[in-house]
Amino acid sequence: MILVCFLYKNESETYFASDLNTNNRGFIITQNKYHKYDSIFKNNPEFISKSFDFPVGKPNAKGYYNAQKFRNNNHLGDDWNGVGGGNTDLGDPIYSIGHGYVSFAENIGGGWGNVIRIIHQYQGKYYESVYAHCNTINVQKGDLIKKGAMVGTIGNAGGLYYAHLHLEIRDNIFMDIGGGYAEDPTGYLDPTKFIKNN
């Protein structure tokens, strides 16, 4: 059997397979790529987001400041630091900005360190929040969490930086981790603006 996959940049993935030994019979399966998340939130509606809070100093970032804002030097997120500066916020709690599903939680090394990725369903759309440089991770892939749940602690990517939280919010939930900076911000949202407006 030969399996050929055609992947498109839309909401469906189409698969075609034909068995050349049985008169070229084939089949086509079209699957909504959001199916996994549709199912998770349909079966657990209490984890659908209704609003969002800041990930530090909840709910409104009290005691923290945005040291490097979205799009400053092509930055794709916000860098949250404690007002004391340096490593004074090392080990401080990081909270989920909204109800959601943990899709990733592990150390990827490099400049990222420990990373947590959470999928949020909100007003019929999907968003992803990314929390990077964590000192510790308090959740695991597959967890369903509520807004304000402690998901980890602020870190410094193994000593590469002064402690801070790098937060991204994406409206394309299928992107790879990326580099944290890019001239083209397609797929990324201004975290502070998104949280304040929602």
C-alpha atoms as a PDB file:
ATOM      1  CA  MET A   1       0.000   0.000   0.000  1.00  0.00           C
ATOM      2  CA  ILE A   2       1.227   3.480  -0.815  1.00  0.00           C
ATOM      3  CA  LEU A   3       0.065   6.340   1.375  1.00  0.00           C
ATOM      4  CA  VAL A   4       0.244   9.829  -0.017  1.00  0.00           C
ATOM      5  CA  CYS A   5      -0.607  12.836   2.160  1.00  0.00           C
ATOM      6  CA  PHE A   6      -1.588  16.250   0.877  1.00  0.00           C
ATOM      7  CA  LEU A   7      -1.489  18.993   3.493  1.00  0.00           C
ATOM      8  CA  TYR A   8      -3.100  22.356   2.871  1.00  0.00           C
ATOM      9  CA  LYS A   9      -2.887  25.630   4.777  1.00  0.00           C
ATOM     10  CA  ASN A  10      -6.550  25.706   5.615  1.00  0.00           C
ATOM     11  CA  GLU A  11      -8.758  24.110   8.217  1.00  0.00           C
ATOM     12  CA  SER A  12      -8.622  20.621   6.713  1.00  0.00           C
ATOM     13  CA  GLU A  13      -6.011  18.013   6.064  1.00  0.00           C
ATOM     14  CA  THR A  14      -6.770  15.670   3.176  1.00  0.00           C
ATOM     15  CA  TYR A  15      -5.326  12.187   3.036  1.00  0.00           C
ATOM     16  CA  PHE A  16      -5.440   9.937  -0.039  1.00  0.00           C
ATOM     17  CA  ALA A  17      -4.352   6.335  -0.009  1.00  0.00           C
ATOM     18  CA  SER A  18      -4.589   3.775  -2.751  1.00  0.00           C
ATOM     19  CA  ASP A  19      -3.723   0.129  -2.720  1.00  0.00           C
ATOM     20  CA  LEU A  20      -2.109  -0.497  -6.100  1.00  0.00           C
ATOM     21  CA  ASN A  21      -2.563  -4.261  -5.701  1.00  0.00           C
ATOM     22  CA  THR A  22      -6.366  -4.037  -5.555  1.00  0.00           C
ATOM     23  CA  ASN A  23      -7.331  -2.279  -8.767  1.00  0.00           C
ATOM     24  CA  ASN A  24      -6.254   1.152  -7.540  1.00  0.00           C
ATOM     25  CA  ARG A  25      -9.090   1.412  -5.063  1.00  0.00           C
ATOM     26  CA  GLY A  26      -8.626   4.395  -2.786  1.00  0.00           C
ATOM     27  CA  PHE A  27     -10.250   6.479  -0.177  1.00  0.00           C
ATOM     28  CA  ILE A  28     -10.161  10.046   0.950  1.00  0.00           C
ATOM     29  CA  ILE A  29     -10.409  11.112   4.564  1.00  0.00           C
ATOM     30  CA  THR A  30     -10.866  14.766   5.376  1.00  0.00           C
ATOM     31  CA  GLN A  31     -10.425  15.724   8.986  1.00  0.00           C
ATOM     32  CA  ASN A  32     -10.809  19.122  10.579  1.00  0.00           C
ATOM     33  CA  LYS A  33      -7.404  19.807  12.115  1.00  0.00           C
ATOM     34  CA  TYR A  34      -9.126  21.341  15.139  1.00  0.00           C
ATOM     35  CA  HIS A  35     -11.013  18.086  15.809  1.00  0.00           C
ATOM     36  CA  LYS A  36      -8.888  17.133  18.818  1.00  0.00           C
ATOM     37  CA  TYR A  37      -9.504  20.469  20.530  1.00  0.00           C
ATOM     38  CA  ASP A  38     -13.158  20.633  19.469  1.00  0.00           C
ATOM     39  CA  SER A  39     -13.655  17.282  21.190  1.00  0.00           C
ATOM     40  CA  ILE A  40     -11.741  18.264  24.341  1.00  0.00           C
ATOM     41  CA  PHE A  41     -13.720  21.463  24.879  1.00  0.00           C
ATOM     42  CA  LYS A  42     -17.056  19.935  23.848  1.00  0.00           C
ATOM     43  CA  ASN A  43     -16.588  17.253  26.509  1.00  0.00           C
ATOM     44  CA  ASN A  44     -15.261  19.755  29.081  1.00  0.00           C
ATOM     45  CA  PRO A  45     -17.168  23.018  28.481  1.00  0.00           C
ATOM     46  CA  GLU A  46     -16.200  24.380  31.905  1.00  0.00           C
ATOM     47  CA  PHE A  47     -12.680  24.843  30.481  1.00  0.00           C
ATOM     48  CA  ILE A  48     -13.789  27.183  27.668  1.00  0.00           C
ATOM     49  CA  SER A  49     -12.317  30.624  28.356  1.00  0.00           C
ATOM     50  CA  LYS A  50     -14.633  33.489  29.227  1.00  0.00           C
ATOM     51  CA  SER A  51     -11.970  36.142  29.914  1.00  0.00           C
ATOM     52  CA  PHE A  52      -8.231  36.522  30.446  1.00  0.00           C
ATOM     53  CA  ASP A  53      -5.922  37.810  33.196  1.00  0.00           C
ATOM     54  CA  PHE A  54      -2.236  38.623  33.275  1.00  0.00           C
ATOM     55  CA  PRO A  55       0.106  35.682  33.990  1.00  0.00           C
ATOM     56  CA  VAL A  56       1.947  37.430  36.832  1.00  0.00           C
ATOM     57  CA  GLY A  57       0.716  39.468  39.783  1.00  0.00           C
ATOM     58  CA  LYS A  58      -2.784  38.181  39.026  1.00  0.00           C
ATOM     59  CA  PRO A  59      -5.133  39.430  37.888  1.00  0.00           C
ATOM     60  CA  ASN A  60      -3.612  42.738  36.711  1.00  0.00           C
ATOM     61  CA  ALA A  61       0.200  42.268  36.879  1.00  0.00           C
ATOM     62  CA  LYS A  62       0.571  44.108  40.200  1.00  0.00           C
ATOM     63  CA  GLY A  63       4.261  44.265  41.160  1.00  0.00           C
ATOM     64  CA  TYR A  64       5.444  43.602  37.577  1.00  0.00           C
ATOM     65  CA  TYR A  65       6.286  45.634  34.503  1.00  0.00           C
ATOM     66  CA  ASN A  66       6.520  44.837  30.815  1.00  0.00           C
ATOM     67  CA  ALA A  67      10.258  45.156  30.182  1.00  0.00           C
ATOM     68  CA  GLN A  68      10.120  44.368  26.460  1.00  0.00           C
ATOM     69  CA  LYS A  69       6.793  44.885  24.758  1.00  0.00           C
ATOM     70  CA  PHE A  70       5.302  43.152  21.742  1.00  0.00           C
ATOM     71  CA  ARG A  71       6.966  44.317  18.486  1.00  0.00           C
ATOM     72  CA  ASN A  72       9.722  46.238  20.307  1.00  0.00           C
ATOM     73  CA  ASN A  73      12.803  45.155  18.295  1.00  0.00           C
ATOM     74  CA  ASN A  74      10.544  42.651  16.444  1.00  0.00           C
ATOM     75  CA  HIS A  75       9.720  40.920  19.737  1.00  0.00           C
ATOM     76  CA  LEU A  76       6.816  38.466  19.394  1.00  0.00           C
ATOM     77  CA  GLY A  77       5.684  38.599  23.007  1.00  0.00           C
ATOM     78  CA  ASP A  78       5.872  40.516  26.269  1.00  0.00           C
ATOM     79  CA  ASP A  79       8.686  40.095  28.810  1.00  0.00           C
ATOM     80  CA  TRP A  80       7.342  40.392  32.366  1.00  0.00           C
ATOM     81  CA  ASN A  81       9.759  41.357  35.152  1.00  0.00           C
ATOM     82  CA  GLY A  82       9.260  41.971  38.844  1.00  0.00           C
ATOM     83  CA  VAL A  83       9.615  45.646  39.801  1.00  0.00           C
ATOM     84  CA  GLY A  84      12.743  44.768  41.815  1.00  0.00           C
ATOM     85  CA  GLY A  85      14.626  43.933  38.599  1.00  0.00           C
ATOM     86  CA  GLY A  86      17.462  41.453  38.163  1.00  0.00           C
ATOM     87  CA  ASN A  87      16.586  38.022  39.521  1.00  0.00           C
ATOM     88  CA  THR A  88      14.247  39.313  42.249  1.00  0.00           C
ATOM     89  CA  ASP A  89      11.317  37.549  40.554  1.00  0.00           C
ATOM     90  CA  LEU A  90      13.123  34.204  40.110  1.00  0.00           C
ATOM     91  CA  GLY A  91      10.726  31.505  41.300  1.00  0.00           C
ATOM     92  CA  ASP A  92       7.649  33.765  41.383  1.00  0.00           C
ATOM     93  CA  PRO A  93       4.417  32.059  40.266  1.00  0.00           C
ATOM     94  CA  ILE A  94       3.196  32.040  36.670  1.00  0.00           C
ATOM     95  CA  TYR A  95      -0.566  31.737  36.203  1.00  0.00           C
ATOM     96  CA  SER A  96      -2.594  30.574  33.226  1.00  0.00           C
ATOM     97  CA  ILE A  97      -4.117  33.593  31.501  1.00  0.00           C
ATOM     98  CA  GLY A  98      -7.358  31.676  30.920  1.00  0.00           C
ATOM     99  CA  HIS A  99      -9.078  28.305  31.073  1.00  0.00           C
ATOM    100  CA  GLY A 100      -7.474  25.848  28.690  1.00  0.00           C
ATOM    101  CA  TYR A 101      -5.721  22.649  27.699  1.00  0.00           C
ATOM    102  CA  VAL A 102      -1.971  22.142  28.206  1.00  0.00           C
ATOM    103  CA  SER A 103      -0.637  21.037  24.815  1.00  0.00           C
ATOM    104  CA  PHE A 104       3.076  21.123  25.717  1.00  0.00           C
ATOM    105  CA  ALA A 105       5.140  21.386  28.902  1.00  0.00           C
ATOM    106  CA  GLU A 106       8.843  20.567  28.812  1.00  0.00           C
ATOM    107  CA  ASN A 107      12.384  21.884  28.572  1.00  0.00           C
ATOM    108  CA  ILE A 108      13.433  22.574  25.003  1.00  0.00           C
ATOM    109  CA  GLY A 109      16.811  24.051  25.925  1.00  0.00           C
ATOM    110  CA  GLY A 110      18.556  26.835  24.087  1.00  0.00           C
ATOM    111  CA  GLY A 111      17.264  30.309  24.805  1.00  0.00           C
ATOM    112  CA  TRP A 112      13.796  28.968  25.608  1.00  0.00           C
ATOM    113  CA  GLY A 113      14.413  26.691  28.582  1.00  0.00           C
ATOM    114  CA  ASN A 114      11.219  25.313  30.130  1.00  0.00           C
ATOM    115  CA  VAL A 115       8.184  26.108  27.980  1.00  0.00           C
ATOM    116  CA  ILE A 116       4.453  25.698  28.596  1.00  0.00           C
ATOM    117  CA  ARG A 117       1.909  25.963  25.764  1.00  0.00           C
ATOM    118  CA  ILE A 118      -1.816  26.225  26.535  1.00  0.00           C
ATOM    119  CA  ILE A 119      -4.693  26.092  24.031  1.00  0.00           C
ATOM    120  CA  HIS A 120      -7.677  28.322  24.814  1.00  0.00           C
ATOM    121  CA  GLN A 121     -11.087  28.153  23.164  1.00  0.00           C
ATOM    122  CA  TYR A 122     -12.656  31.606  23.352  1.00  0.00           C
ATOM    123  CA  GLN A 123     -15.735  32.915  21.561  1.00  0.00           C
ATOM    124  CA  GLY A 124     -15.592  30.062  19.046  1.00  0.00           C
ATOM    125  CA  LYS A 125     -11.924  30.569  18.135  1.00  0.00           C
ATOM    126  CA  TYR A 126      -8.661  29.035  19.297  1.00  0.00           C
ATOM    127  CA  TYR A 127      -5.732  30.879  20.825  1.00  0.00           C
ATOM    128  CA  GLU A 128      -2.463  29.679  22.298  1.00  0.00           C
ATOM    129  CA  SER A 129      -0.551  31.166  25.212  1.00  0.00           C
ATOM    130  CA  VAL A 130       3.168  30.383  25.448  1.00  0.00           C
ATOM    131  CA  TYR A 131       5.116  30.789  28.716  1.00  0.00           C
ATOM    132  CA  ALA A 132       8.899  30.600  28.330  1.00  0.00           C
ATOM    133  CA  HIS A 133      12.117  30.590  30.402  1.00  0.00           C
ATOM    134  CA  CYS A 134      10.239  28.943  33.307  1.00  0.00           C
ATOM    135  CA  ASN A 135      12.211  27.850  36.363  1.00  0.00           C
ATOM    136  CA  THR A 136       9.752  25.046  37.099  1.00  0.00           C
ATOM    137  CA  ILE A 137       6.768  23.518  35.311  1.00  0.00           C
ATOM    138  CA  ASN A 138       3.764  22.613  37.464  1.00  0.00           C
ATOM    139  CA  VAL A 139       1.548  21.108  34.727  1.00  0.00           C
ATOM    140  CA  GLN A 140       1.860  18.372  32.165  1.00  0.00           C
ATOM    141  CA  LYS A 141       0.639  17.814  28.631  1.00  0.00           C
ATOM    142  CA  GLY A 142      -3.036  16.875  28.680  1.00  0.00           C
ATOM    143  CA  ASP A 143      -3.983  18.834  31.800  1.00  0.00           C
ATOM    144  CA  LEU A 144      -7.153  20.912  31.723  1.00  0.00           C
ATOM    145  CA  ILE A 145      -6.686  24.047  33.791  1.00  0.00           C
ATOM    146  CA  LYS A 146      -8.633  27.062  34.974  1.00  0.00           C
ATOM    147  CA  LYS A 147      -7.725  30.715  34.608  1.00  0.00           C
ATOM    148  CA  GLY A 148      -5.353  31.707  37.398  1.00  0.00           C
ATOM    149  CA  ALA A 149      -4.018  28.186  37.971  1.00  0.00           C
ATOM    150  CA  MET A 150      -0.315  28.208  38.805  1.00  0.00           C
ATOM    151  CA  VAL A 151       1.383  26.540  35.824  1.00  0.00           C
ATOM    152  CA  GLY A 152       5.021  27.184  36.706  1.00  0.00           C
ATOM    153  CA  THR A 153       7.506  29.672  38.111  1.00  0.00           C
ATOM    154  CA  ILE A 154       9.526  32.479  36.564  1.00  0.00           C
ATOM    155  CA  GLY A 155      12.984  31.416  35.460  1.00  0.00           C
ATOM    156  CA  ASN A 156      16.022  32.564  33.535  1.00  0.00           C
ATOM    157  CA  ALA A 157      16.475  29.762  30.962  1.00  0.00           C
ATOM    158  CA  GLY A 158      19.192  28.124  33.023  1.00  0.00           C
ATOM    159  CA  GLY A 159      21.012  31.378  33.755  1.00  0.00           C
ATOM    160  CA  LEU A 160      21.049  32.797  30.219  1.00  0.00           C
ATOM    161  CA  TYR A 161      19.060  35.900  31.221  1.00  0.00           C
ATOM    162  CA  TYR A 162      17.883  37.773  34.260  1.00  0.00           C
ATOM    163  CA  ALA A 163      14.683  36.106  35.429  1.00  0.00           C
ATOM    164  CA  HIS A 164      11.554  37.081  33.509  1.00  0.00           C
ATOM    165  CA  LEU A 165       8.517  35.541  31.859  1.00  0.00           C
ATOM    166  CA  HIS A 166       8.351  35.639  28.077  1.00  0.00           C
ATOM    167  CA  LEU A 167       4.638  35.469  27.182  1.00  0.00           C
ATOM    168  CA  GLU A 168       3.272  35.018  23.673  1.00  0.00           C
ATOM    169  CA  ILE A 169      -0.331  34.824  22.506  1.00  0.00           C
ATOM    170  CA  ARG A 170      -0.990  33.309  19.102  1.00  0.00           C
ATOM    171  CA  ASP A 171      -4.071  33.047  16.936  1.00  0.00           C
ATOM    172  CA  ASN A 172      -2.389  30.315  14.883  1.00  0.00           C
ATOM    173  CA  ILE A 173      -2.131  27.426  17.330  1.00  0.00           C
ATOM    174  CA  PHE A 174      -0.231  25.118  14.971  1.00  0.00           C
ATOM    175  CA  MET A 175       3.020  27.088  14.646  1.00  0.00           C
ATOM    176  CA  ASP A 176       6.307  25.693  15.899  1.00  0.00           C
ATOM    177  CA  ILE A 177       7.980  27.421  18.830  1.00  0.00           C
ATOM    178  CA  GLY A 178       9.803  29.912  16.608  1.00  0.00           C
ATOM    179  CA  GLY A 179      12.560  32.232  17.748  1.00  0.00           C
ATOM    180  CA  GLY A 180      10.763  34.859  19.827  1.00  0.00           C
ATOM    181  CA  TYR A 181      11.624  37.590  17.314  1.00  0.00           C
ATOM    182  CA  ALA A 182      10.563  38.106  13.691  1.00  0.00           C
ATOM    183  CA  GLU A 183       9.884  40.952  11.279  1.00  0.00           C
ATOM    184  CA  ASP A 184       6.575  39.341  10.307  1.00  0.00           C
ATOM    185  CA  PRO A 185       4.241  39.000  13.314  1.00  0.00           C
ATOM    186  CA  THR A 186       1.596  36.971  11.444  1.00  0.00           C
ATOM    187  CA  GLY A 187       0.000  34.516  13.867  1.00  0.00           C
ATOM    188  CA  TYR A 188       1.041  36.491  16.957  1.00  0.00           C
ATOM    189  CA  LEU A 189      -1.065  38.913  18.988  1.00  0.00           C
ATOM    190  CA  ASP A 190      -0.078  41.727  21.337  1.00  0.00           C
ATOM    191  CA  PRO A 191      -0.443  39.931  24.710  1.00  0.00           C
ATOM    192  CA  THR A 192      -1.181  43.024  26.802  1.00  0.00           C
ATOM    193  CA  LYS A 193      -3.760  44.341  24.348  1.00  0.00           C
ATOM    194  CA  PHE A 194      -5.397  40.905  24.015  1.00  0.00           C
ATOM    195  CA  ILE A 195      -5.681  40.419  27.786  1.00  0.00           C
ATOM    196  CA  LYS A 196      -6.991  43.947  28.405  1.00  0.00           C
ATOM    197  CA  ASN A 197      -9.582  43.644  25.610  1.00  0.00           C
ATOM    198  CA  ASN A 198     -10.799  40.195  26.593  1.00  0.00           C
END
